[in-house]
C-alpha atoms as a PDB file:
ATOM      1  CA  GLN A   1     108.097  33.324  88.265  1.00  0.00           C
ATOM      2  CA  VAL A   2     105.751  35.326  87.449  1.00  0.00           C
ATOM      3  CA  GLN A   3     106.449  37.588  83.835  1.00  0.00           C
ATOM      4  CA  LEU A   4     104.833  40.548  83.558  1.00  0.00           C
ATOM      5  CA  VAL A   5     104.331  43.433  80.960  1.00  0.00           C
ATOM      6  CA  GLU A   6     102.910  46.234  81.067  1.00  0.00           C
ATOM      7  CA  SER A   7     100.888  48.068  78.640  1.00  0.00           C
ATOM      8  CA  GLY A   8      98.933  51.200  78.439  1.00  0.00           C
ATOM      9  CA  GLY A   9     101.367  54.165  78.869  1.00  0.00           C
ATOM     10  CA  GLY A  10     101.720  57.592  76.827  1.00  0.00           C
ATOM     11  CA  LEU A  11     101.728  60.539  76.582  1.00  0.00           C
ATOM     12  CA  VAL A  12      98.757  62.987  77.904  1.00  0.00           C
ATOM     13  CA  GLN A  13      97.948  66.681  79.052  1.00  0.00           C
ATOM     14  CA  THR A  14      98.108  67.557  82.438  1.00  0.00           C
ATOM     15  CA  GLY A  15      94.947  66.740  83.970  1.00  0.00           C
ATOM     16  CA  GLY A  16      94.280  63.910  81.446  1.00  0.00           C
ATOM     17  CA  SER A  17      93.929  60.194  82.529  1.00  0.00           C
ATOM     18  CA  LEU A  18      95.286  56.963  81.830  1.00  0.00           C
ATOM     19  CA  ARG A  19      95.206  53.842  82.709  1.00  0.00           C
ATOM     20  CA  LEU A  20      97.922  51.472  82.576  1.00  0.00           C
ATOM     21  CA  SER A  21      97.757  47.379  82.415  1.00  0.00           C
ATOM     22  CA  CYS A  22      99.758  44.954  83.501  1.00  0.00           C
ATOM     23  CA  ALA A  23      99.504  41.273  81.934  1.00  0.00           C
ATOM     24  CA  THR A  24     100.773  38.467  84.071  1.00  0.00           C
ATOM     25  CA  SER A  25     101.931  34.596  83.264  1.00  0.00           C
ATOM     26  CA  GLY A  26     103.507  32.118  84.855  1.00  0.00           C
ATOM     27  CA  ARG A  27     102.862  30.862  88.345  1.00  0.00           C
ATOM     28  CA  ALA A  28      99.572  31.546  90.309  1.00  0.00           C
ATOM     29  CA  PHE A  29      99.253  35.123  89.984  1.00  0.00           C
ATOM     30  CA  SER A  30      95.944  35.014  92.101  1.00  0.00           C
ATOM     31  CA  SER A  31      98.683  34.186  95.091  1.00  0.00           C
ATOM     32  CA  TYR A  32     101.030  37.357  95.286  1.00  0.00           C
ATOM     33  CA  PRO A  33     100.841  40.655  96.272  1.00  0.00           C
ATOM     34  CA  THR A  34     101.107  43.209  93.605  1.00  0.00           C
ATOM     35  CA  GLY A  35     101.471  46.954  92.696  1.00  0.00           C
ATOM     36  CA  TRP A  36     103.427  49.538  90.759  1.00  0.00           C
ATOM     37  CA  TYR A  37     106.413  51.907  91.112  1.00  0.00           C
ATOM     38  CA  ARG A  38     107.957  54.837  88.747  1.00  0.00           C
ATOM     39  CA  GLN A  39     110.595  56.148  88.146  1.00  0.00           C
ATOM     40  CA  ALA A  40     111.367  59.458  86.621  1.00  0.00           C
ATOM     41  CA  PRO A  41     114.530  60.653  84.594  1.00  0.00           C
ATOM     42  CA  GLY A  42     117.798  61.191  87.335  1.00  0.00           C
ATOM     43  CA  LYS A  43     115.520  59.705  89.839  1.00  0.00           C
ATOM     44  CA  GLU A  44     115.457  56.895  91.976  1.00  0.00           C
ATOM     45  CA  ARG A  45     112.463  54.659  91.936  1.00  0.00           C
ATOM     46  CA  GLU A  46     109.697  55.209  93.903  1.00  0.00           C
ATOM     47  CA  PHE A  47     106.446  53.436  95.192  1.00  0.00           C
ATOM     48  CA  VAL A  48     103.283  54.124  93.509  1.00  0.00           C
ATOM     49  CA  ALA A  49     100.282  51.445  94.767  1.00  0.00           C
ATOM     50  CA  ALA A  50     100.271  47.939  95.745  1.00  0.00           C
ATOM     51  CA  ILE A  51      97.202  45.425  96.336  1.00  0.00           C
ATOM     52  CA  ASN A  52      97.281  42.371  98.138  1.00  0.00           C
ATOM     53  CA  TRP A  53      96.279  39.033  97.240  1.00  0.00           C
ATOM     54  CA  SER A  54      92.940  39.595  97.262  1.00  0.00           C
ATOM     55  CA  GLY A  55      92.410  42.762  96.086  1.00  0.00           C
ATOM     56  CA  THR A  56      90.775  43.525  99.210  1.00  0.00           C
ATOM     57  CA  SER A  57      93.413  46.218 100.657  1.00  0.00           C
ATOM     58  CA  ALA A  58      95.014  48.904  98.398  1.00  0.00           C
ATOM     59  CA  TYR A  59      97.780  51.539 100.009  1.00  0.00           C
ATOM     60  CA  TYR A  60      99.646  54.432  97.410  1.00  0.00           C
ATOM     61  CA  ALA A  61     101.904  56.629  97.763  1.00  0.00           C
ATOM     62  CA  ASP A  62     100.959  60.229  98.822  1.00  0.00           C
ATOM     63  CA  SER A  63     101.633  62.031  95.749  1.00  0.00           C
ATOM     64  CA  VAL A  64      99.034  59.732  94.020  1.00  0.00           C
ATOM     65  CA  LYS A  65      96.164  59.740  96.873  1.00  0.00           C
ATOM     66  CA  GLY A  66      93.074  60.358  95.624  1.00  0.00           C
ATOM     67  CA  ARG A  67      94.221  60.384  92.237  1.00  0.00           C
ATOM     68  CA  PHE A  68      95.353  56.786  91.339  1.00  0.00           C
ATOM     69  CA  THR A  69      93.673  53.523  91.642  1.00  0.00           C
ATOM     70  CA  ILE A  70      94.915  50.121  91.800  1.00  0.00           C
ATOM     71  CA  SER A  71      92.853  47.298  91.299  1.00  0.00           C
ATOM     72  CA  ARG A  72      93.516  43.277  90.054  1.00  0.00           C
ATOM     73  CA  ASP A  73      91.722  40.498  88.558  1.00  0.00           C
ATOM     74  CA  ASN A  74      92.406  37.496  89.095  1.00  0.00           C
ATOM     75  CA  ALA A  75      90.372  34.962  86.839  1.00  0.00           C
ATOM     76  CA  LYS A  76      92.294  37.380  84.040  1.00  0.00           C
ATOM     77  CA  ASN A  77      96.108  37.328  85.472  1.00  0.00           C
ATOM     78  CA  SER A  78      96.063  41.019  85.566  1.00  0.00           C
ATOM     79  CA  LEU A  79      96.428  44.538  87.655  1.00  0.00           C
ATOM     80  CA  LEU A  80      95.554  47.803  86.683  1.00  0.00           C
ATOM     81  CA  LEU A  81      96.085  51.634  87.745  1.00  0.00           C
ATOM     82  CA  GLN A  82      93.757  53.924  87.164  1.00  0.00           C
ATOM     83  CA  MET A  83      95.514  57.196  86.750  1.00  0.00           C
ATOM     84  CA  ASN A  84      93.697  60.765  86.902  1.00  0.00           C
ATOM     85  CA  SER A  85      93.844  64.359  87.120  1.00  0.00           C
ATOM     86  CA  LEU A  86      97.366  63.303  86.087  1.00  0.00           C
ATOM     87  CA  LYS A  87     100.140  66.142  86.633  1.00  0.00           C
ATOM     88  CA  PRO A  88     103.806  66.925  84.658  1.00  0.00           C
ATOM     89  CA  GLU A  89     105.758  65.521  88.078  1.00  0.00           C
ATOM     90  CA  ASP A  90     103.594  62.071  87.230  1.00  0.00           C
ATOM     91  CA  THR A  91     106.056  61.875  84.047  1.00  0.00           C
ATOM     92  CA  ALA A  92     107.790  58.510  84.923  1.00  0.00           C
ATOM     93  CA  ILE A  93     108.478  54.619  83.465  1.00  0.00           C
ATOM     94  CA  TYR A  94     105.849  52.410  85.564  1.00  0.00           C
ATOM     95  CA  TYR A  95     106.572  49.436  86.525  1.00  0.00           C
ATOM     96  CA  CYS A  96     104.425  46.394  87.871  1.00  0.00           C
ATOM     97  CA  TYR A  97     105.722  43.707  89.915  1.00  0.00           C
ATOM     98  CA  ALA A  98     104.382  40.551  91.675  1.00  0.00           C
ATOM     99  CA  GLY A  99     105.833  39.265  95.288  1.00  0.00           C
ATOM    100  CA  ASP A 100     107.707  40.094  97.865  1.00  0.00           C
ATOM    101  CA  GLU A 101     111.462  40.856  98.217  1.00  0.00           C
ATOM    102  CA  PRO A 102     113.880  39.154  97.597  1.00  0.00           C
ATOM    103  CA  GLY A 103     112.315  36.769  94.648  1.00  0.00           C
ATOM    104  CA  ARG A 104     109.681  39.992  93.116  1.00  0.00           C
ATOM    105  CA  SER A 105     109.417  39.713  89.744  1.00  0.00           C
ATOM    106  CA  TRP A 106     109.070  43.173  87.575  1.00  0.00           C
ATOM    107  CA  GLY A 107     107.830  44.038  83.973  1.00  0.00           C
ATOM    108  CA  ARG A 108     109.992  46.061  82.263  1.00  0.00           C
ATOM    109  CA  GLY A 109     107.992  49.437  82.408  1.00  0.00           C
ATOM    110  CA  THR A 110     105.660  51.486  79.854  1.00  0.00           C
ATOM    111  CA  GLN A 111     106.206  55.208  79.789  1.00  0.00           C
ATOM    112  CA  VAL A 112     104.187  57.957  80.848  1.00  0.00           C
ATOM    113  CA  THR A 113     104.425  61.457  79.710  1.00  0.00           C
ATOM    114  CA  VAL A 114     102.563  63.913  81.198  1.00  0.00           C
ATOM    115  CA  SER A 115     103.033  67.608  79.067  1.00  0.00           C
ATOM    116  CA  SER A 116     102.321  71.059  80.719  1.00  0.00           C
END
């Protein structure tokens, strides 16, 4: 089991930037695919971005493509999400995960609020 803790969320104006971090501990983080989901009030959790175990392949939701960048540092057991050109519709709780279903591990989330 991998333990994950997100940080870096906050309040930002439209057009601003935030960088989310996901610190991990436990079993070998470097062997897991990882990524981010988000959940806005009243909506279902949705995929944001994912990255393979080596960091050589990244995938993005269409809604964030070109604005968000996912990366990982296996030496530091960490996952990052650089978010630029933020929009009010990016407001949500952001969750990082590690591994594949059904045994995926999740963090508790960090709130991102984008004001208009």
